[in-house]
N, C-alpha and C. Protein backbone atom coordinates (compact mmCIF):
# COMPACT_ATOMS: atom_id res chain seq x y z
N MET A 1 35.97 -119.41 134.98
CA MET A 1 35.66 -120.30 133.97
C MET A 1 35.11 -119.59 132.73
N THR A 2 34.40 -118.64 132.88
CA THR A 2 33.92 -117.91 131.73
C THR A 2 35.07 -117.26 130.98
N GLU A 3 36.02 -116.95 131.71
CA GLU A 3 37.15 -116.34 131.02
C GLU A 3 37.82 -117.36 130.16
N GLU A 4 37.86 -118.54 130.64
CA GLU A 4 38.50 -119.60 129.87
C GLU A 4 37.71 -119.87 128.61
N ILE A 5 36.43 -119.82 128.68
CA ILE A 5 35.59 -120.11 127.53
C ILE A 5 35.77 -119.00 126.51
N VAL A 6 35.80 -117.81 126.94
CA VAL A 6 35.94 -116.69 126.03
C VAL A 6 37.30 -116.78 125.39
N LEU A 7 38.29 -117.15 126.15
CA LEU A 7 39.63 -117.26 125.59
C LEU A 7 39.69 -118.40 124.59
N THR A 8 39.06 -119.44 124.87
CA THR A 8 39.07 -120.58 123.99
C THR A 8 38.37 -120.22 122.69
N VAL A 9 37.23 -119.60 122.76
CA VAL A 9 36.46 -119.24 121.57
C VAL A 9 37.26 -118.21 120.77
N ALA A 10 37.90 -117.32 121.45
CA ALA A 10 38.67 -116.29 120.75
C ALA A 10 39.85 -116.92 120.08
N SER A 11 40.51 -117.88 120.73
CA SER A 11 41.66 -118.51 120.11
C SER A 11 41.24 -119.35 118.93
N GLU A 12 40.11 -120.04 119.01
CA GLU A 12 39.63 -120.84 117.89
C GLU A 12 39.26 -119.93 116.71
N THR A 13 38.67 -118.85 117.03
CA THR A 13 38.28 -117.91 115.98
C THR A 13 39.51 -117.33 115.34
N ALA A 14 40.51 -117.04 116.11
CA ALA A 14 41.74 -116.48 115.56
C ALA A 14 42.43 -117.50 114.70
N GLU A 15 42.40 -118.76 115.09
CA GLU A 15 43.04 -119.79 114.29
C GLU A 15 42.28 -119.98 112.97
N GLN A 16 40.98 -119.95 113.06
CA GLN A 16 40.18 -120.11 111.84
C GLN A 16 40.42 -118.93 110.90
N ALA A 17 40.56 -117.76 111.46
CA ALA A 17 40.78 -116.58 110.63
C ALA A 17 42.15 -116.64 110.04
N ARG A 18 43.11 -117.22 110.77
CA ARG A 18 44.45 -117.30 110.25
C ARG A 18 44.53 -118.30 109.12
N PHE A 19 43.84 -119.38 109.21
CA PHE A 19 43.92 -120.42 108.21
C PHE A 19 42.97 -120.16 107.06
N SER A 20 41.89 -119.52 107.30
CA SER A 20 40.91 -119.32 106.25
C SER A 20 40.69 -117.83 106.04
N LEU A 21 41.22 -117.32 104.95
CA LEU A 21 41.06 -115.90 104.64
C LEU A 21 39.69 -115.63 104.06
N VAL A 22 39.19 -116.53 103.29
CA VAL A 22 37.86 -116.34 102.74
C VAL A 22 36.99 -117.44 103.33
N SER A 23 36.05 -116.97 104.12
CA SER A 23 35.13 -117.93 104.69
C SER A 23 33.74 -117.32 104.68
N ILE A 24 32.76 -118.10 104.65
CA ILE A 24 31.39 -117.65 104.67
C ILE A 24 30.85 -117.91 106.06
N ASP A 25 30.53 -116.79 106.67
CA ASP A 25 29.97 -116.91 108.02
C ASP A 25 28.54 -116.40 107.92
N LEU A 26 27.61 -117.25 108.25
CA LEU A 26 26.20 -116.96 108.12
C LEU A 26 25.80 -115.82 109.06
N SER A 27 26.31 -115.76 110.21
CA SER A 27 25.95 -114.72 111.16
C SER A 27 26.41 -113.35 110.66
N THR A 28 27.59 -113.28 110.04
CA THR A 28 28.08 -112.01 109.50
C THR A 28 27.20 -111.57 108.33
N ILE A 29 26.80 -112.50 107.53
CA ILE A 29 25.96 -112.16 106.38
C ILE A 29 24.62 -111.64 106.87
N VAL A 30 24.03 -112.27 107.83
CA VAL A 30 22.73 -111.85 108.35
C VAL A 30 22.88 -110.49 109.01
N PHE A 31 23.93 -110.33 109.81
CA PHE A 31 24.16 -109.05 110.48
C PHE A 31 24.34 -107.92 109.45
N THR A 32 25.12 -108.14 108.40
CA THR A 32 25.36 -107.15 107.35
C THR A 32 24.07 -106.85 106.62
N LEU A 33 23.30 -107.87 106.34
CA LEU A 33 22.03 -107.69 105.64
C LEU A 33 21.06 -106.87 106.48
N ILE A 34 20.98 -107.15 107.75
CA ILE A 34 20.09 -106.39 108.64
C ILE A 34 20.55 -104.94 108.72
N ASN A 35 21.85 -104.73 108.86
CA ASN A 35 22.39 -103.36 108.89
C ASN A 35 22.05 -102.61 107.59
N THR A 36 22.20 -103.25 106.48
CA THR A 36 21.90 -102.62 105.18
C THR A 36 20.41 -102.29 105.10
N LEU A 37 19.56 -103.20 105.52
CA LEU A 37 18.12 -102.95 105.49
C LEU A 37 17.74 -101.79 106.41
N ILE A 38 18.39 -101.72 107.56
CA ILE A 38 18.12 -100.62 108.50
C ILE A 38 18.55 -99.29 107.86
N ILE A 39 19.71 -99.27 107.22
CA ILE A 39 20.20 -98.03 106.58
C ILE A 39 19.26 -97.62 105.44
N VAL A 40 18.80 -98.59 104.64
CA VAL A 40 17.87 -98.29 103.55
C VAL A 40 16.56 -97.78 104.12
N PHE A 41 16.06 -98.42 105.18
CA PHE A 41 14.81 -97.98 105.81
C PHE A 41 14.95 -96.55 106.34
N LEU A 42 16.05 -96.29 107.03
CA LEU A 42 16.29 -94.95 107.58
C LEU A 42 16.41 -93.92 106.45
N TYR A 43 17.08 -94.31 105.37
CA TYR A 43 17.21 -93.39 104.22
C TYR A 43 15.82 -93.04 103.68
N PHE A 44 15.01 -94.07 103.43
CA PHE A 44 13.67 -93.81 102.88
C PHE A 44 12.77 -93.10 103.89
N LYS A 45 12.95 -93.38 105.16
CA LYS A 45 12.11 -92.78 106.19
C LYS A 45 12.45 -91.30 106.39
N PHE A 46 13.75 -90.98 106.45
CA PHE A 46 14.14 -89.63 106.83
C PHE A 46 14.78 -88.81 105.69
N LEU A 47 15.47 -89.41 104.78
CA LEU A 47 16.23 -88.65 103.78
C LEU A 47 15.63 -88.64 102.38
N HIS A 48 14.90 -89.67 102.01
CA HIS A 48 14.43 -89.76 100.63
C HIS A 48 13.54 -88.58 100.23
N LYS A 49 12.53 -88.25 101.02
CA LYS A 49 11.63 -87.14 100.68
C LYS A 49 12.37 -85.80 100.63
N PRO A 50 13.17 -85.45 101.64
CA PRO A 50 13.88 -84.16 101.55
C PRO A 50 14.84 -84.10 100.36
N VAL A 51 15.55 -85.21 100.12
CA VAL A 51 16.49 -85.21 98.99
C VAL A 51 15.72 -85.08 97.68
N CYS A 52 14.62 -85.82 97.54
CA CYS A 52 13.81 -85.72 96.31
C CYS A 52 13.22 -84.32 96.17
N GLN A 53 12.75 -83.75 97.31
CA GLN A 53 12.21 -82.38 97.25
C GLN A 53 13.30 -81.39 96.83
N MET A 54 14.48 -81.54 97.40
CA MET A 54 15.58 -80.66 97.06
C MET A 54 15.94 -80.80 95.57
N LEU A 55 15.98 -82.03 95.08
CA LEU A 55 16.29 -82.25 93.66
C LEU A 55 15.18 -81.70 92.78
N ASP A 56 13.91 -81.87 93.22
CA ASP A 56 12.79 -81.31 92.45
C ASP A 56 12.86 -79.79 92.41
N LYS A 57 13.15 -79.18 93.58
CA LYS A 57 13.28 -77.72 93.62
C LYS A 57 14.41 -77.26 92.72
N ARG A 58 15.50 -77.97 92.77
CA ARG A 58 16.65 -77.61 91.91
C ARG A 58 16.26 -77.75 90.44
N ALA A 59 15.53 -78.80 90.09
CA ALA A 59 15.09 -79.01 88.71
C ALA A 59 14.13 -77.90 88.30
N GLU A 60 13.22 -77.51 89.22
CA GLU A 60 12.31 -76.41 88.93
C GLU A 60 13.07 -75.11 88.71
N THR A 61 14.06 -74.86 89.57
CA THR A 61 14.86 -73.64 89.43
C THR A 61 15.60 -73.62 88.10
N VAL A 62 16.18 -74.75 87.75
CA VAL A 62 16.89 -74.85 86.47
C VAL A 62 15.92 -74.66 85.32
N ASN A 63 14.75 -75.29 85.39
CA ASN A 63 13.74 -75.14 84.33
C ASN A 63 13.26 -73.70 84.24
N LYS A 64 13.04 -73.07 85.41
CA LYS A 64 12.60 -71.68 85.42
C LYS A 64 13.68 -70.78 84.80
N ASP A 65 14.93 -71.03 85.19
CA ASP A 65 16.02 -70.24 84.60
C ASP A 65 16.11 -70.44 83.09
N MET A 66 15.90 -71.67 82.65
CA MET A 66 15.92 -71.95 81.21
C MET A 66 14.75 -71.24 80.52
N ASP A 67 13.57 -71.30 81.14
CA ASP A 67 12.41 -70.61 80.57
C ASP A 67 12.64 -69.11 80.51
N ASP A 68 13.20 -68.55 81.61
CA ASP A 68 13.50 -67.11 81.63
C ASP A 68 14.52 -66.75 80.55
N ALA A 69 15.52 -67.59 80.40
CA ALA A 69 16.53 -67.34 79.36
C ALA A 69 15.90 -67.40 77.98
N ASN A 70 15.04 -68.39 77.76
CA ASN A 70 14.37 -68.49 76.45
C ASN A 70 13.45 -67.30 76.21
N LYS A 71 12.75 -66.88 77.28
CA LYS A 71 11.85 -65.74 77.16
C LYS A 71 12.66 -64.47 76.86
N ALA A 72 13.78 -64.31 77.56
CA ALA A 72 14.63 -63.14 77.31
C ALA A 72 15.19 -63.18 75.89
N LYS A 73 15.54 -64.36 75.43
CA LYS A 73 16.05 -64.50 74.07
C LYS A 73 14.98 -64.13 73.05
N GLU A 74 13.75 -64.60 73.29
CA GLU A 74 12.64 -64.28 72.39
C GLU A 74 12.35 -62.78 72.39
N GLU A 75 12.39 -62.18 73.60
CA GLU A 75 12.16 -60.74 73.69
C GLU A 75 13.27 -59.97 72.96
N ALA A 76 14.50 -60.43 73.12
CA ALA A 76 15.61 -59.78 72.42
C ALA A 76 15.43 -59.90 70.90
N GLN A 77 14.98 -61.07 70.45
CA GLN A 77 14.75 -61.24 69.02
C GLN A 77 13.61 -60.36 68.54
N ALA A 78 12.57 -60.23 69.39
CA ALA A 78 11.44 -59.36 69.01
C ALA A 78 11.90 -57.91 68.94
N VAL A 79 12.71 -57.48 69.93
CA VAL A 79 13.23 -56.10 69.92
C VAL A 79 14.12 -55.89 68.70
N LYS A 80 14.94 -56.88 68.39
CA LYS A 80 15.81 -56.77 67.22
C LYS A 80 14.98 -56.67 65.94
N ALA A 81 13.94 -57.51 65.84
CA ALA A 81 13.08 -57.47 64.65
C ALA A 81 12.38 -56.12 64.55
N GLU A 82 11.91 -55.60 65.70
CA GLU A 82 11.25 -54.28 65.69
C GLU A 82 12.25 -53.19 65.30
N TYR A 83 13.46 -53.29 65.82
CA TYR A 83 14.50 -52.31 65.46
C TYR A 83 14.79 -52.36 63.97
N GLU A 84 14.94 -53.56 63.44
CA GLU A 84 15.21 -53.70 62.01
C GLU A 84 14.05 -53.17 61.18
N GLN A 85 12.83 -53.42 61.65
CA GLN A 85 11.65 -52.92 60.93
C GLN A 85 11.63 -51.39 60.96
N ARG A 86 11.92 -50.82 62.13
CA ARG A 86 11.95 -49.36 62.23
C ARG A 86 13.06 -48.78 61.37
N LEU A 87 14.20 -49.45 61.35
CA LEU A 87 15.32 -48.99 60.52
C LEU A 87 14.92 -49.02 59.05
N GLN A 88 14.28 -50.10 58.62
CA GLN A 88 13.84 -50.21 57.23
C GLN A 88 12.79 -49.15 56.92
N SER A 89 11.88 -48.95 57.87
CA SER A 89 10.84 -47.93 57.70
C SER A 89 11.46 -46.54 57.59
N SER A 90 12.46 -46.29 58.42
CA SER A 90 13.15 -44.99 58.38
C SER A 90 13.87 -44.80 57.04
N LYS A 91 14.49 -45.86 56.56
CA LYS A 91 15.17 -45.76 55.26
C LYS A 91 14.16 -45.47 54.16
N GLU A 92 13.03 -46.15 54.19
CA GLU A 92 12.00 -45.93 53.17
C GLU A 92 11.45 -44.51 53.26
N GLU A 93 11.24 -44.03 54.49
CA GLU A 93 10.72 -42.67 54.68
C GLU A 93 11.74 -41.64 54.20
N ALA A 94 13.01 -41.87 54.50
CA ALA A 94 14.05 -40.96 54.04
C ALA A 94 14.10 -40.94 52.50
N GLU A 95 13.95 -42.11 51.91
CA GLU A 95 13.94 -42.20 50.44
C GLU A 95 12.75 -41.43 49.87
N LYS A 96 11.57 -41.57 50.51
CA LYS A 96 10.39 -40.84 50.05
C LYS A 96 10.60 -39.33 50.18
N ILE A 97 11.19 -38.91 51.31
CA ILE A 97 11.43 -37.48 51.53
C ILE A 97 12.39 -36.94 50.48
N LEU A 98 13.46 -37.68 50.19
CA LEU A 98 14.41 -37.23 49.17
C LEU A 98 13.75 -37.17 47.80
N THR A 99 12.96 -38.18 47.48
CA THR A 99 12.27 -38.20 46.19
C THR A 99 11.33 -37.01 46.09
N GLU A 100 10.57 -36.76 47.15
CA GLU A 100 9.62 -35.64 47.15
C GLU A 100 10.37 -34.31 47.04
N ALA A 101 11.48 -34.17 47.77
CA ALA A 101 12.26 -32.93 47.71
C ALA A 101 12.82 -32.72 46.30
N ASN A 102 13.31 -33.77 45.67
CA ASN A 102 13.81 -33.66 44.29
C ASN A 102 12.69 -33.28 43.33
N ARG A 103 11.52 -33.90 43.54
CA ARG A 103 10.39 -33.58 42.68
C ARG A 103 9.99 -32.12 42.84
N ARG A 104 9.92 -31.66 44.09
CA ARG A 104 9.55 -30.26 44.34
C ARG A 104 10.59 -29.30 43.77
N ALA A 105 11.86 -29.67 43.92
CA ALA A 105 12.93 -28.81 43.39
C ALA A 105 12.82 -28.72 41.87
N SER A 106 12.57 -29.86 41.22
CA SER A 106 12.41 -29.85 39.76
C SER A 106 11.20 -29.02 39.35
N GLN A 107 10.12 -29.19 40.08
CA GLN A 107 8.90 -28.44 39.77
C GLN A 107 9.15 -26.95 39.96
N ARG A 108 9.81 -26.57 41.05
CA ARG A 108 10.09 -25.15 41.31
C ARG A 108 11.05 -24.59 40.25
N GLU A 109 12.01 -25.40 39.84
CA GLU A 109 12.94 -24.99 38.78
C GLU A 109 12.17 -24.70 37.49
N GLU A 110 11.25 -25.60 37.15
CA GLU A 110 10.46 -25.40 35.93
C GLU A 110 9.60 -24.14 36.05
N GLU A 111 9.03 -23.91 37.26
CA GLU A 111 8.21 -22.71 37.46
C GLU A 111 9.06 -21.45 37.29
N ILE A 112 10.26 -21.47 37.89
CA ILE A 112 11.13 -20.30 37.80
C ILE A 112 11.53 -20.03 36.36
N ILE A 113 11.85 -21.09 35.62
CA ILE A 113 12.24 -20.93 34.21
C ILE A 113 11.06 -20.40 33.41
N ALA A 114 9.87 -20.94 33.68
CA ALA A 114 8.68 -20.48 32.96
C ALA A 114 8.41 -19.01 33.27
N GLN A 115 8.55 -18.62 34.55
CA GLN A 115 8.34 -17.21 34.92
C GLN A 115 9.38 -16.32 34.25
N ALA A 116 10.63 -16.79 34.23
CA ALA A 116 11.69 -16.00 33.60
C ALA A 116 11.42 -15.84 32.10
N ASN A 117 10.98 -16.92 31.46
CA ASN A 117 10.66 -16.84 30.03
C ASN A 117 9.49 -15.88 29.78
N GLU A 118 8.47 -15.97 30.66
CA GLU A 118 7.33 -15.06 30.52
C GLU A 118 7.77 -13.61 30.71
N GLU A 119 8.60 -13.38 31.72
CA GLU A 119 9.09 -12.02 31.99
C GLU A 119 9.93 -11.51 30.82
N ALA A 120 10.80 -12.40 30.29
CA ALA A 120 11.63 -11.99 29.14
C ALA A 120 10.74 -11.66 27.94
N ALA A 121 9.72 -12.50 27.71
CA ALA A 121 8.81 -12.23 26.59
C ALA A 121 8.06 -10.92 26.80
N ARG A 122 7.63 -10.67 28.05
CA ARG A 122 6.91 -9.43 28.36
C ARG A 122 7.83 -8.21 28.15
N VAL A 123 9.07 -8.31 28.66
CA VAL A 123 10.02 -7.19 28.49
C VAL A 123 10.31 -6.96 27.01
N LYS A 124 10.48 -8.05 26.26
CA LYS A 124 10.77 -7.92 24.82
C LYS A 124 9.59 -7.27 24.12
N MET A 125 8.37 -7.71 24.48
CA MET A 125 7.18 -7.14 23.85
C MET A 125 7.06 -5.65 24.20
N GLN A 126 7.34 -5.29 25.47
CA GLN A 126 7.27 -3.88 25.86
C GLN A 126 8.33 -3.06 25.12
N ALA A 127 9.51 -3.64 24.96
CA ALA A 127 10.58 -2.94 24.24
C ALA A 127 10.18 -2.73 22.79
N GLU A 128 9.61 -3.79 22.18
CA GLU A 128 9.18 -3.67 20.79
C GLU A 128 8.08 -2.62 20.65
N GLN A 129 7.15 -2.62 21.62
CA GLN A 129 6.08 -1.61 21.58
C GLN A 129 6.66 -0.20 21.75
N ALA A 130 7.65 -0.06 22.66
CA ALA A 130 8.27 1.25 22.88
C ALA A 130 9.00 1.71 21.62
N ILE A 131 9.70 0.75 20.98
CA ILE A 131 10.40 1.08 19.73
C ILE A 131 9.40 1.51 18.67
N GLU A 132 8.31 0.76 18.57
CA GLU A 132 7.28 1.10 17.57
C GLU A 132 6.69 2.48 17.85
N ARG A 133 6.42 2.76 19.12
CA ARG A 133 5.88 4.10 19.47
C ARG A 133 6.87 5.20 19.13
N GLU A 134 8.15 4.98 19.46
CA GLU A 134 9.17 5.99 19.15
C GLU A 134 9.31 6.18 17.64
N LYS A 135 9.22 5.07 16.93
CA LYS A 135 9.31 5.15 15.46
C LYS A 135 8.16 5.97 14.90
N LYS A 136 6.92 5.69 15.39
CA LYS A 136 5.75 6.44 14.91
C LYS A 136 5.87 7.92 15.31
N ARG A 137 6.35 8.18 16.54
CA ARG A 137 6.50 9.57 16.98
C ARG A 137 7.53 10.28 16.11
N ALA A 138 8.64 9.58 15.79
CA ALA A 138 9.67 10.21 14.96
C ALA A 138 9.12 10.47 13.56
N VAL A 139 8.37 9.50 13.04
CA VAL A 139 7.80 9.70 11.71
C VAL A 139 6.82 10.87 11.74
N ASN A 140 6.00 10.92 12.79
CA ASN A 140 5.04 12.03 12.91
C ASN A 140 5.77 13.37 13.03
N GLU A 141 6.84 13.42 13.80
CA GLU A 141 7.61 14.67 13.92
C GLU A 141 8.19 15.09 12.58
N ILE A 142 8.72 14.09 11.88
CA ILE A 142 9.30 14.40 10.56
C ILE A 142 8.21 14.91 9.62
N LYS A 143 7.05 14.26 9.68
CA LYS A 143 5.96 14.70 8.83
C LYS A 143 5.56 16.14 9.18
N GLU A 144 5.49 16.43 10.49
CA GLU A 144 5.12 17.78 10.91
C GLU A 144 6.16 18.80 10.43
N GLU A 145 7.44 18.42 10.56
CA GLU A 145 8.49 19.36 10.13
C GLU A 145 8.43 19.57 8.61
N ILE A 146 8.21 18.46 7.89
CA ILE A 146 8.13 18.59 6.43
C ILE A 146 6.93 19.46 6.04
N SER A 147 5.79 19.22 6.73
CA SER A 147 4.62 20.03 6.37
C SER A 147 4.85 21.49 6.74
N ASP A 148 5.56 21.73 7.88
CA ASP A 148 5.89 23.13 8.23
C ASP A 148 6.78 23.74 7.17
N MET A 149 7.72 22.99 6.70
CA MET A 149 8.64 23.51 5.69
C MET A 149 7.93 23.74 4.36
N VAL A 150 7.03 22.80 4.04
CA VAL A 150 6.29 22.98 2.80
C VAL A 150 5.44 24.24 2.90
N VAL A 151 4.84 24.44 4.07
CA VAL A 151 4.02 25.64 4.25
C VAL A 151 4.92 26.87 4.14
N MET A 152 6.11 26.80 4.77
CA MET A 152 7.04 27.93 4.69
C MET A 152 7.46 28.17 3.23
N ALA A 153 7.76 27.11 2.54
CA ALA A 153 8.19 27.26 1.14
C ALA A 153 7.05 27.81 0.30
N ALA A 154 5.84 27.32 0.56
CA ALA A 154 4.69 27.83 -0.21
C ALA A 154 4.46 29.30 0.09
N GLY A 155 4.73 29.69 1.36
CA GLY A 155 4.56 31.10 1.72
C GLY A 155 5.56 31.97 1.00
N LYS A 156 6.79 31.47 0.92
CA LYS A 156 7.81 32.25 0.22
C LYS A 156 7.48 32.32 -1.26
N VAL A 157 6.98 31.22 -1.80
CA VAL A 157 6.63 31.22 -3.22
C VAL A 157 5.48 32.19 -3.45
N ALA A 158 4.58 32.22 -2.57
CA ALA A 158 3.43 33.10 -2.74
C ALA A 158 3.86 34.55 -2.62
N GLN A 159 4.87 34.89 -1.87
CA GLN A 159 5.30 36.26 -1.70
C GLN A 159 5.89 36.81 -2.99
N LYS A 160 6.53 36.02 -3.68
CA LYS A 160 7.09 36.56 -4.93
C LYS A 160 6.97 35.52 -5.99
N GLU A 161 7.02 36.03 -7.12
CA GLU A 161 6.95 35.16 -8.26
C GLU A 161 8.34 34.60 -8.45
N ILE A 162 8.38 33.38 -8.60
CA ILE A 162 9.66 32.74 -8.58
C ILE A 162 10.06 32.38 -10.00
N SER A 163 11.31 32.63 -10.22
CA SER A 163 11.87 32.19 -11.49
C SER A 163 12.46 30.81 -11.26
N ALA A 164 12.97 30.18 -12.27
CA ALA A 164 13.52 28.83 -12.15
C ALA A 164 14.70 28.85 -11.21
N SER A 165 15.53 29.85 -11.29
CA SER A 165 16.68 29.91 -10.41
C SER A 165 16.25 30.20 -8.98
N ASP A 166 15.22 31.05 -8.81
CA ASP A 166 14.70 31.32 -7.46
C ASP A 166 14.06 30.05 -6.88
N ASN A 167 13.38 29.31 -7.68
CA ASN A 167 12.72 28.07 -7.25
C ASN A 167 13.78 27.09 -6.74
N GLU A 168 14.84 27.00 -7.50
CA GLU A 168 15.90 26.09 -7.13
C GLU A 168 16.55 26.57 -5.83
N GLU A 169 16.73 27.82 -5.69
CA GLU A 169 17.35 28.40 -4.49
C GLU A 169 16.46 28.15 -3.28
N ILE A 170 15.18 28.27 -3.40
CA ILE A 170 14.23 28.06 -2.30
C ILE A 170 14.26 26.59 -1.88
N ILE A 171 14.26 25.71 -2.84
CA ILE A 171 14.26 24.28 -2.54
C ILE A 171 15.54 23.92 -1.81
N ASN A 172 16.66 24.47 -2.29
CA ASN A 172 17.95 24.17 -1.63
C ASN A 172 17.97 24.72 -0.21
N SER A 173 17.44 25.90 -0.02
CA SER A 173 17.44 26.46 1.33
C SER A 173 16.52 25.67 2.26
N VAL A 174 15.36 25.21 1.72
CA VAL A 174 14.44 24.39 2.54
C VAL A 174 15.12 23.08 2.89
N LEU A 175 15.80 22.48 1.91
CA LEU A 175 16.48 21.20 2.18
C LEU A 175 17.64 21.40 3.18
N ALA A 176 18.35 22.50 3.08
CA ALA A 176 19.42 22.78 3.99
C ALA A 176 18.84 22.98 5.40
N GLN A 177 17.70 23.67 5.48
CA GLN A 177 17.06 23.89 6.78
C GLN A 177 16.60 22.55 7.38
N ILE A 178 16.08 21.69 6.56
CA ILE A 178 15.64 20.36 7.03
C ILE A 178 16.85 19.58 7.53
N GLY A 179 17.95 19.63 6.79
CA GLY A 179 19.17 18.93 7.18
C GLY A 179 19.70 19.45 8.49
N GLU A 180 19.63 20.77 8.75
CA GLU A 180 20.14 21.32 10.00
C GLU A 180 19.27 20.90 11.18
N GLU A 181 18.00 20.79 11.00
CA GLU A 181 17.10 20.44 12.10
C GLU A 181 17.20 18.96 12.47
N ASN A 182 17.52 18.14 11.51
CA ASN A 182 17.63 16.70 11.82
C ASN A 182 19.02 16.42 12.27
C-alpha cells in the first residue's frame, strides 16, 4: 500500500509538472532559502575571514610595491639631480680652470715680453757704452799719435833751422807719416 501511495503522489506531481511549467511551491522556496542561508552562514563562518585576510595581504603587498616603486623613483630623481649638479659644477670648475690658465698665460707672456724689452734695452745700452768707450779710446790714441808727431816735428825743427821750403817738407812728411799709421 505504501507503494501505491508513493506512486499516486508521484503521478500527481508529474501531471502537475507537465501542465504547469511555472508554479510556486512554498516548500521549494523554503528549502532553497534555508540552503542559501546555510551557504551564507558557512561562507561567513569559514571563508570570509581568510578571503578578507588574503585580499588585505594582497592589498598590502600591492601598496608596498607601489611605495617601493615611488621610493625608487624618488631616489632615481635624487641621483639624477645630484648627477646634473655635479655635471654643472664640473663645467663651472673647468671654465674657471680655463679662465685661470688663460690669465696666467697672458700674465707670463707679458712678463716674458717685459724681460725681453729690458734685456734688449740693457744690451743696447751696453753696446752704446762700448761704442762710446771705443770712440774715446780712438780719440785718445789719435791725440797721443798727434802729440808724438808734434814732438817729433818740433825735435826736427829744433835740430836745424828751417827754411820755408824745409818747413813745408817737414809738415808734408809728418802728414804722410800720420796717414800711413792710420
